[in-house]
Amino acid sequence: ELVAVISRGGMNTDYADSVKGRFTISRDNAKNTV
């Protein structure tokens, strides 16, 4: 199950219905970390 997706700049995200409202995806491009 794909649960979360984030765009290159971090401004666009999407979540599976099963985790929506509970999970948050983010990224720090300066740290090369998601």
Full PDB file with SEQRES, HELIX, SHEET, SSBOND, CRYST1, ORIGX, SCALE, CONECT and MASTER records, all heavy atoms in Angstrom:
SEQRES   1 A   34  GLU LEU VAL ALA VAL ILE SER ARG GLY GLY MET ASN THR          
SEQRES   2 A   34  ASP TYR ALA ASP SER VAL LYS GLY ARG PHE THR ILE SER          
SEQRES   3 A   34  ARG ASP ASN ALA LYS ASN THR VAL                              
SHEET    1 AA1 2 ALA A   4  ILE A   6  0                                        
SHEET    2 AA1 2 THR A  13  TYR A  15 -1                                        
CRYST1    1.000    1.000    1.000  90.00  90.00  90.00 P 1           1          
ORIGX1      1.000000  0.000000  0.000000        0.00000                         
ORIGX2      0.000000  1.000000  0.000000        0.00000                         
ORIGX3      0.000000  0.000000  1.000000        0.00000                         
SCALE1      1.000000  0.000000  0.000000        0.00000                         
SCALE2      0.000000  1.000000  0.000000        0.00000                         
SCALE3      0.000000  0.000000  1.000000        0.00000                         
ATOM      1  N   GLU A   1       0.837  -1.193   0.000  1.00  0.00           N  
ATOM      2  CA  GLU A   1       0.000   0.000   0.000  1.00  0.00           C  
ATOM      3  C   GLU A   1       0.875   1.246   0.000  1.00  0.00           C  
ATOM      4  O   GLU A   1       1.681   1.451   0.908  1.00  0.00           O  
ATOM      5  CB  GLU A   1      -0.927   0.022   1.217  1.00  0.00           C  
ATOM      6  CG  GLU A   1      -1.862   1.226   1.239  1.00  0.00           C  
ATOM      7  CD  GLU A   1      -2.762   1.279   2.459  1.00  0.00           C  
ATOM      8  OE1 GLU A   1      -2.376   0.702   3.506  1.00  0.00           O  
ATOM      9  OE2 GLU A   1      -3.846   1.889   2.378  1.00  0.00           O  
ATOM     10  N   LEU A   2       0.683   2.088  -0.998  1.00  0.00           N  
ATOM     11  CA  LEU A   2       1.336   3.388  -1.030  1.00  0.00           C  
ATOM     12  C   LEU A   2       0.574   4.325  -0.101  1.00  0.00           C  
ATOM     13  O   LEU A   2      -0.616   4.570  -0.307  1.00  0.00           O  
ATOM     14  CB  LEU A   2       1.361   3.935  -2.458  1.00  0.00           C  
ATOM     15  CG  LEU A   2       2.004   5.305  -2.668  1.00  0.00           C  
ATOM     16  CD1 LEU A   2       3.460   5.304  -2.235  1.00  0.00           C  
ATOM     17  CD2 LEU A   2       1.881   5.720  -4.130  1.00  0.00           C  
ATOM     18  N   VAL A   3       1.238   4.851   0.914  1.00  0.00           N  
ATOM     19  CA  VAL A   3       0.534   5.630   1.926  1.00  0.00           C  
ATOM     20  C   VAL A   3       0.705   7.131   1.775  1.00  0.00           C  
ATOM     21  O   VAL A   3      -0.177   7.890   2.195  1.00  0.00           O  
ATOM     22  CB  VAL A   3       0.918   5.194   3.360  1.00  0.00           C  
ATOM     23  CG1 VAL A   3       0.572   3.730   3.574  1.00  0.00           C  
ATOM     24  CG2 VAL A   3       2.390   5.457   3.661  1.00  0.00           C  
ATOM     25  N   ALA A   4       1.811   7.592   1.195  1.00  0.00           N  
ATOM     26  CA  ALA A   4       2.034   9.027   1.094  1.00  0.00           C  
ATOM     27  C   ALA A   4       3.010   9.356  -0.018  1.00  0.00           C  
ATOM     28  O   ALA A   4       3.939   8.599  -0.295  1.00  0.00           O  
ATOM     29  CB  ALA A   4       2.559   9.593   2.415  1.00  0.00           C  
ATOM     30  N   VAL A   5       2.797  10.507  -0.649  1.00  0.00           N  
ATOM     31  CA  VAL A   5       3.641  10.981  -1.747  1.00  0.00           C  
ATOM     32  C   VAL A   5       3.900  12.468  -1.540  1.00  0.00           C  
ATOM     33  O   VAL A   5       3.005  13.202  -1.103  1.00  0.00           O  
ATOM     34  CB  VAL A   5       2.964  10.789  -3.119  1.00  0.00           C  
ATOM     35  CG1 VAL A   5       3.911  11.157  -4.248  1.00  0.00           C  
ATOM     36  CG2 VAL A   5       2.460   9.372  -3.281  1.00  0.00           C  
ATOM     37  N   ILE A   6       5.102  12.915  -1.882  1.00  0.00           N  
ATOM     38  CA  ILE A   6       5.429  14.333  -1.785  1.00  0.00           C  
ATOM     39  C   ILE A   6       6.219  14.777  -3.005  1.00  0.00           C  
ATOM     40  O   ILE A   6       7.089  14.054  -3.497  1.00  0.00           O  
ATOM     41  CB  ILE A   6       6.189  14.653  -0.473  1.00  0.00           C  
ATOM     42  CG1 ILE A   6       6.346  16.166  -0.277  1.00  0.00           C  
ATOM     43  CG2 ILE A   6       7.544  13.945  -0.431  1.00  0.00           C  
ATOM     44  CD1 ILE A   6       6.765  16.543   1.145  1.00  0.00           C  
ATOM     45  N   SER A   7       5.900  15.962  -3.500  1.00  0.00           N  
ATOM     46  CA  SER A   7       6.552  16.500  -4.686  1.00  0.00           C  
ATOM     47  C   SER A   7       7.971  16.949  -4.386  1.00  0.00           C  
ATOM     48  O   SER A   7       8.400  17.033  -3.238  1.00  0.00           O  
ATOM     49  CB  SER A   7       5.739  17.663  -5.251  1.00  0.00           C  
ATOM     50  OG  SER A   7       5.636  18.711  -4.301  1.00  0.00           O  
ATOM     51  N   ARG A   8       8.705  17.264  -5.451  1.00  0.00           N  
ATOM     52  CA  ARG A   8      10.118  17.599  -5.311  1.00  0.00           C  
ATOM     53  C   ARG A   8      10.380  18.764  -4.375  1.00  0.00           C  
ATOM     54  O   ARG A   8      11.317  18.726  -3.571  1.00  0.00           O  
ATOM     55  CB  ARG A   8      10.719  17.892  -6.690  1.00  0.00           C  
ATOM     56  CG  ARG A   8      10.763  16.686  -7.616  1.00  0.00           C  
ATOM     57  CD  ARG A   8      11.173  17.089  -9.010  1.00  0.00           C  
ATOM     58  NE  ARG A   8      10.237  18.062  -9.571  1.00  0.00           N  
ATOM     59  CZ  ARG A   8      10.439  18.737 -10.688  1.00  0.00           C  
ATOM     60  NH1 ARG A   8      11.560  18.557 -11.379  1.00  0.00           N  
ATOM     61  NH2 ARG A   8       9.532  19.593 -11.122  1.00  0.00           N  
ATOM     62  N   GLY A   9       9.558  19.797  -4.476  1.00  0.00           N  
ATOM     63  CA  GLY A   9       9.712  20.969  -3.630  1.00  0.00           C  
ATOM     64  C   GLY A   9       8.988  20.878  -2.305  1.00  0.00           C  
ATOM     65  O   GLY A   9       9.101  21.794  -1.476  1.00  0.00           O  
ATOM     66  N   GLY A  10       8.236  19.808  -2.095  1.00  0.00           N  
ATOM     67  CA  GLY A  10       7.559  19.592  -0.828  1.00  0.00           C  
ATOM     68  C   GLY A  10       6.215  20.289  -0.678  1.00  0.00           C  
ATOM     69  O   GLY A  10       5.599  20.203   0.385  1.00  0.00           O  
ATOM     70  N   MET A  11       5.741  20.941  -1.737  1.00  0.00           N  
ATOM     71  CA  MET A  11       4.511  21.721  -1.619  1.00  0.00           C  
ATOM     72  C   MET A  11       3.245  20.924  -1.923  1.00  0.00           C  
ATOM     73  O   MET A  11       2.147  21.350  -1.545  1.00  0.00           O  
ATOM     74  CB  MET A  11       4.578  22.936  -2.548  1.00  0.00           C  
ATOM     75  CG  MET A  11       5.655  23.942  -2.160  1.00  0.00           C  
ATOM     76  SD  MET A  11       5.349  24.711  -0.535  1.00  0.00           S  
ATOM     77  CE  MET A  11       6.506  23.784   0.492  1.00  0.00           C  
ATOM     78  N   ASN A  12       3.381  19.793  -2.588  1.00  0.00           N  
ATOM     79  CA  ASN A  12       2.236  18.976  -2.948  1.00  0.00           C  
ATOM     80  C   ASN A  12       2.356  17.593  -2.329  1.00  0.00           C  
ATOM     81  O   ASN A  12       3.411  16.971  -2.403  1.00  0.00           O  
ATOM     82  CB  ASN A  12       2.111  18.860  -4.466  1.00  0.00           C  
ATOM     83  CG  ASN A  12       1.900  20.203  -5.126  1.00  0.00           C  
ATOM     84  OD1 ASN A  12       2.786  20.723  -5.815  1.00  0.00           O  
ATOM     85  ND2 ASN A  12       0.727  20.782  -4.910  1.00  0.00           N  
ATOM     86  N   THR A  13       1.269  17.132  -1.721  1.00  0.00           N  
ATOM     87  CA  THR A  13       1.252  15.822  -1.084  1.00  0.00           C  
ATOM     88  C   THR A  13      -0.053  15.102  -1.382  1.00  0.00           C  
ATOM     89  O   THR A  13      -1.056  15.720  -1.755  1.00  0.00           O  
ATOM     90  CB  THR A  13       1.403  15.935   0.439  1.00  0.00           C  
ATOM     91  OG1 THR A  13       0.325  16.719   0.971  1.00  0.00           O  
ATOM     92  CG2 THR A  13       2.729  16.576   0.811  1.00  0.00           C  
ATOM     93  N   ASP A  14      -0.029  13.777  -1.208  1.00  0.00           N  
ATOM     94  CA  ASP A  14      -1.248  12.994  -1.277  1.00  0.00           C  
ATOM     95  C   ASP A  14      -1.109  11.809  -0.336  1.00  0.00           C  
ATOM     96  O   ASP A  14       0.010  11.332  -0.087  1.00  0.00           O  
ATOM     97  CB  ASP A  14      -1.543  12.521  -2.702  1.00  0.00           C  
ATOM     98  CG  ASP A  14      -2.948  11.958  -2.840  1.00  0.00           C  
ATOM     99  OD1 ASP A  14      -3.901  12.618  -2.379  1.00  0.00           O  
ATOM    100  OD2 ASP A  14      -3.100  10.856  -3.400  1.00  0.00           O  
ATOM    101  N   TYR A  15      -2.249  11.349   0.193  1.00  0.00           N  
ATOM    102  CA  TYR A  15      -2.271  10.275   1.170  1.00  0.00           C  
ATOM    103  C   TYR A  15      -3.321   9.236   0.821  1.00  0.00           C  
ATOM    104  O   TYR A  15      -4.368   9.563   0.253  1.00  0.00           O  
ATOM    105  CB  TYR A  15      -2.588  10.826   2.560  1.00  0.00           C  
ATOM    106  CG  TYR A  15      -1.604  11.858   3.036  1.00  0.00           C  
ATOM    107  CD1 TYR A  15      -1.810  13.213   2.779  1.00  0.00           C  
ATOM    108  CD2 TYR A  15      -0.458  11.480   3.723  1.00  0.00           C  
ATOM    109  CE1 TYR A  15      -0.893  14.163   3.202  1.00  0.00           C  
ATOM    110  CE2 TYR A  15       0.462  12.424   4.147  1.00  0.00           C  
ATOM    111  CZ  TYR A  15       0.240  13.764   3.885  1.00  0.00           C  
ATOM    112  OH  TYR A  15       1.154  14.694   4.309  1.00  0.00           O  
ATOM    113  N   ALA A  16      -3.040   8.005   1.193  1.00  0.00           N  
ATOM    114  CA  ALA A  16      -4.047   6.968   1.084  1.00  0.00           C  
ATOM    115  C   ALA A  16      -5.182   7.252   2.057  1.00  0.00           C  
ATOM    116  O   ALA A  16      -4.971   7.820   3.132  1.00  0.00           O  
ATOM    117  CB  ALA A  16      -3.431   5.606   1.390  1.00  0.00           C  
ATOM    118  N   ASP A  17      -6.390   6.855   1.680  1.00  0.00           N  
ATOM    119  CA  ASP A  17      -7.543   7.078   2.556  1.00  0.00           C  
ATOM    120  C   ASP A  17      -7.339   6.461   3.941  1.00  0.00           C  
ATOM    121  O   ASP A  17      -7.821   6.999   4.942  1.00  0.00           O  
ATOM    122  CB  ASP A  17      -8.807   6.511   1.924  1.00  0.00           C  
ATOM    123  CG  ASP A  17      -9.293   7.329   0.740  1.00  0.00           C  
ATOM    124  OD1 ASP A  17      -8.877   8.494   0.586  1.00  0.00           O  
ATOM    125  OD2 ASP A  17     -10.103   6.795  -0.036  1.00  0.00           O  
ATOM    126  N   SER A  18      -6.613   5.360   4.009  1.00  0.00           N  
ATOM    127  CA  SER A  18      -6.413   4.656   5.263  1.00  0.00           C  
ATOM    128  C   SER A  18      -5.597   5.449   6.282  1.00  0.00           C  
ATOM    129  O   SER A  18      -5.663   5.165   7.477  1.00  0.00           O  
ATOM    130  CB  SER A  18      -5.752   3.299   5.009  1.00  0.00           C  
ATOM    131  OG  SER A  18      -4.532   3.456   4.311  1.00  0.00           O  
ATOM    132  N   VAL A  19      -4.816   6.428   5.824  1.00  0.00           N  
ATOM    133  CA  VAL A  19      -3.966   7.201   6.732  1.00  0.00           C  
ATOM    134  C   VAL A  19      -4.271   8.690   6.721  1.00  0.00           C  
ATOM    135  O   VAL A  19      -3.684   9.442   7.514  1.00  0.00           O  
ATOM    136  CB  VAL A  19      -2.469   6.984   6.432  1.00  0.00           C  
ATOM    137  CG1 VAL A  19      -2.137   5.499   6.385  1.00  0.00           C  
ATOM    138  CG2 VAL A  19      -2.056   7.671   5.133  1.00  0.00           C  
ATOM    139  N   LYS A  20      -5.166   9.118   5.869  1.00  0.00           N  
ATOM    140  CA  LYS A  20      -5.474  10.538   5.721  1.00  0.00           C  
ATOM    141  C   LYS A  20      -5.917  11.145   7.044  1.00  0.00           C  
ATOM    142  O   LYS A  20      -6.760  10.587   7.747  1.00  0.00           O  
ATOM    143  CB  LYS A  20      -6.546  10.719   4.654  1.00  0.00           C  
ATOM    144  CG  LYS A  20      -6.610  12.113   4.053  1.00  0.00           C  
ATOM    145  CD  LYS A  20      -7.431  12.107   2.754  1.00  0.00           C  
ATOM    146  CE  LYS A  20      -6.745  11.290   1.660  1.00  0.00           C  
ATOM    147  NZ  LYS A  20      -7.517  11.269   0.389  1.00  0.00           N  
ATOM    148  N   GLY A  21      -5.338  12.276   7.386  1.00  0.00           N  
ATOM    149  CA  GLY A  21      -5.649  12.956   8.628  1.00  0.00           C  
ATOM    150  C   GLY A  21      -4.804  12.514   9.800  1.00  0.00           C  
ATOM    151  O   GLY A  21      -4.828  13.166  10.851  1.00  0.00           O  
ATOM    152  N   ARG A  22      -4.071  11.419   9.634  1.00  0.00           N  
ATOM    153  CA  ARG A  22      -3.240  10.892  10.711  1.00  0.00           C  
ATOM    154  C   ARG A  22      -1.747  10.959  10.397  1.00  0.00           C  
ATOM    155  O   ARG A  22      -0.933  11.145  11.299  1.00  0.00           O  
ATOM    156  CB  ARG A  22      -3.607   9.439  11.018  1.00  0.00           C  
ATOM    157  CG  ARG A  22      -5.060   9.263  11.452  1.00  0.00           C  
ATOM    158  CD  ARG A  22      -5.324   7.830  11.917  1.00  0.00           C  
ATOM    159  NE  ARG A  22      -5.126   6.857  10.833  1.00  0.00           N  
ATOM    160  CZ  ARG A  22      -4.237   5.870  10.864  1.00  0.00           C  
ATOM    161  NH1 ARG A  22      -3.456   5.706  11.934  1.00  0.00           N  
ATOM    162  NH2 ARG A  22      -4.139   5.023   9.849  1.00  0.00           N  
ATOM    163  N   PHE A  23      -1.390  10.784   9.136  1.00  0.00           N  
ATOM    164  CA  PHE A  23       0.009  10.779   8.712  1.00  0.00           C  
ATOM    165  C   PHE A  23       0.333  12.067   7.964  1.00  0.00           C  
ATOM    166  O   PHE A  23      -0.516  12.622   7.254  1.00  0.00           O  
ATOM    167  CB  PHE A  23       0.301   9.604   7.781  1.00  0.00           C  
ATOM    168  CG  PHE A  23       0.300   8.239   8.427  1.00  0.00           C  
ATOM    169  CD1 PHE A  23      -0.205   8.025   9.701  1.00  0.00           C  
ATOM    170  CD2 PHE A  23       0.824   7.155   7.730  1.00  0.00           C  
ATOM    171  CE1 PHE A  23      -0.203   6.768  10.280  1.00  0.00           C  
ATOM    172  CE2 PHE A  23       0.835   5.890   8.295  1.00  0.00           C  
ATOM    173  CZ  PHE A  23       0.321   5.690   9.568  1.00  0.00           C  
ATOM    174  N   THR A  24       1.577  12.520   8.090  1.00  0.00           N  
ATOM    175  CA  THR A  24       2.057  13.679   7.360  1.00  0.00           C  
ATOM    176  C   THR A  24       3.423  13.379   6.766  1.00  0.00           C  
ATOM    177  O   THR A  24       4.351  13.007   7.490  1.00  0.00           O  
ATOM    178  CB  THR A  24       2.169  14.918   8.265  1.00  0.00           C  
ATOM    179  OG1 THR A  24       0.906  15.186   8.881  1.00  0.00           O  
ATOM    180  CG2 THR A  24       2.597  16.136   7.446  1.00  0.00           C  
ATOM    181  N   ILE A  25       3.541  13.539   5.453  1.00  0.00           N  
ATOM    182  CA  ILE A  25       4.827  13.384   4.789  1.00  0.00           C  
ATOM    183  C   ILE A  25       5.448  14.767   4.606  1.00  0.00           C  
ATOM    184  O   ILE A  25       4.750  15.743   4.325  1.00  0.00           O  
ATOM    185  CB  ILE A  25       4.680  12.647   3.438  1.00  0.00           C  
ATOM    186  CG1 ILE A  25       6.055  12.325   2.839  1.00  0.00           C  
ATOM    187  CG2 ILE A  25       3.819  13.441   2.462  1.00  0.00           C  
ATOM    188  CD1 ILE A  25       5.987  11.404   1.616  1.00  0.00           C  
ATOM    189  N   SER A  26       6.753  14.850   4.795  1.00  0.00           N  
ATOM    190  CA  SER A  26       7.476  16.094   4.588  1.00  0.00           C  
ATOM    191  C   SER A  26       8.882  15.780   4.111  1.00  0.00           C  
ATOM    192  O   SER A  26       9.324  14.630   4.161  1.00  0.00           O  
ATOM    193  CB  SER A  26       7.506  16.936   5.868  1.00  0.00           C  
ATOM    194  OG  SER A  26       8.184  16.249   6.909  1.00  0.00           O  
ATOM    195  N   ARG A  27       9.579  16.795   3.639  1.00  0.00           N  
ATOM    196  CA  ARG A  27      10.962  16.589   3.218  1.00  0.00           C  
ATOM    197  C   ARG A  27      11.792  17.819   3.528  1.00  0.00           C  
ATOM    198  O   ARG A  27      11.286  18.948   3.546  1.00  0.00           O  
ATOM    199  CB  ARG A  27      11.043  16.233   1.728  1.00  0.00           C  
ATOM    200  CG  ARG A  27      10.624  17.343   0.780  1.00  0.00           C  
ATOM    201  CD  ARG A  27      10.443  16.814  -0.646  1.00  0.00           C  
ATOM    202  NE  ARG A  27      11.697  16.370  -1.243  1.00  0.00           N  
ATOM    203  CZ  ARG A  27      11.796  15.605  -2.329  1.00  0.00           C  
ATOM    204  NH1 ARG A  27      10.686  15.182  -2.933  1.00  0.00           N  
ATOM    205  NH2 ARG A  27      12.981  15.257  -2.802  1.00  0.00           N  
ATOM    206  N   ASP A  28      13.051  17.592   3.779  1.00  0.00           N  
ATOM    207  CA  ASP A  28      14.022  18.646   4.001  1.00  0.00           C  
ATOM    208  C   ASP A  28      15.099  18.459   2.947  1.00  0.00           C  
ATOM    209  O   ASP A  28      15.979  17.608   3.093  1.00  0.00           O  
ATOM    210  CB  ASP A  28      14.598  18.565   5.405  1.00  0.00           C  
ATOM    211  CG  ASP A  28      15.507  19.734   5.744  1.00  0.00           C  
ATOM    212  OD1 ASP A  28      16.027  20.389   4.815  1.00  0.00           O  
ATOM    213  OD2 ASP A  28      15.714  19.997   6.937  1.00  0.00           O  
ATOM    214  N   ASN A  29      15.003  19.235   1.881  1.00  0.00           N  
ATOM    215  CA  ASN A  29      15.923  19.049   0.767  1.00  0.00           C  
ATOM    216  C   ASN A  29      17.363  19.420   1.123  1.00  0.00           C  
ATOM    217  O   ASN A  29      18.303  18.908   0.517  1.00  0.00           O  
ATOM    218  CB  ASN A  29      15.451  19.843  -0.451  1.00  0.00           C  
ATOM    219  CG  ASN A  29      14.255  19.198  -1.128  1.00  0.00           C  
ATOM    220  OD1 ASN A  29      13.994  18.007  -0.942  1.00  0.00           O  
ATOM    221  ND2 ASN A  29      13.522  19.974  -1.907  1.00  0.00           N  
ATOM    222  N   ALA A  30      17.536  20.302   2.105  1.00  0.00           N  
ATOM    223  CA  ALA A  30      18.877  20.655   2.549  1.00  0.00           C  
ATOM    224  C   ALA A  30      19.558  19.500   3.271  1.00  0.00           C  
ATOM    225  O   ALA A  30      20.779  19.436   3.336  1.00  0.00           O  
ATOM    226  CB  ALA A  30      18.832  21.887   3.448  1.00  0.00           C  
ATOM    227  N   LYS A  31      18.750  18.592   3.825  1.00  0.00           N  
ATOM    228  CA  LYS A  31      19.269  17.433   4.537  1.00  0.00           C  
ATOM    229  C   LYS A  31      19.117  16.134   3.752  1.00  0.00           C  
ATOM    230  O   LYS A  31      19.487  15.071   4.251  1.00  0.00           O  
ATOM    231  CB  LYS A  31      18.567  17.280   5.886  1.00  0.00           C  
ATOM    232  CG  LYS A  31      18.829  18.410   6.860  1.00  0.00           C  
ATOM    233  CD  LYS A  31      18.116  18.161   8.177  1.00  0.00           C  
ATOM    234  CE  LYS A  31      18.404  19.258   9.179  1.00  0.00           C  
ATOM    235  NZ  LYS A  31      17.672  19.046  10.456  1.00  0.00           N  
ATOM    236  N   ASN A  32      18.575  16.212   2.537  1.00  0.00           N  
ATOM    237  CA  ASN A  32      18.322  15.017   1.722  1.00  0.00           C  
ATOM    238  C   ASN A  32      17.552  13.956   2.504  1.00  0.00           C  
ATOM    239  O   ASN A  32      17.881  12.766   2.472  1.00  0.00           O  
ATOM    240  CB  ASN A  32      19.636  14.427   1.194  1.00  0.00           C  
ATOM    241  CG  ASN A  32      20.280  15.276   0.118  1.00  0.00           C  
ATOM    242  OD1 ASN A  32      19.649  16.150  -0.473  1.00  0.00           O  
ATOM    243  ND2 ASN A  32      21.549  15.021  -0.147  1.00  0.00           N  
ATOM    244  N   THR A  33      16.516  14.402   3.193  1.00  0.00           N  
ATOM    245  CA  THR A  33      15.754  13.519   4.061  1.00  0.00           C  
ATOM    246  C   THR A  33      14.264  13.709   3.859  1.00  0.00           C  
ATOM    247  O   THR A  33      13.789  14.840   3.723  1.00  0.00           O  
ATOM    248  CB  THR A  33      16.113  13.764   5.537  1.00  0.00           C  
ATOM    249  OG1 THR A  33      17.522  13.558   5.723  1.00  0.00           O  
ATOM    250  CG2 THR A  33      15.363  12.815   6.456  1.00  0.00           C  
ATOM    251  N   VAL A  34      13.530  12.601   3.842  1.00  0.00           N  
ATOM    252  CA  VAL A  34      12.083  12.624   3.803  1.00  0.00           C  
ATOM    253  C   VAL A  34      11.569  11.987   5.092  1.00  0.00           C  
ATOM    254  O   VAL A  34      12.185  11.051   5.616  1.00  0.00           O  
ATOM    255  CB  VAL A  34      11.527  11.914   2.541  1.00  0.00           C  
ATOM    256  CG1 VAL A  34      11.923  10.449   2.504  1.00  0.00           C  
ATOM    257  CG2 VAL A  34      10.017  12.086   2.447  1.00  0.00           C  
TER     258      VAL A  34                                                      
MASTER        0    0    0    0    2    0    0    6  257    1    0    3          
END                                                                             
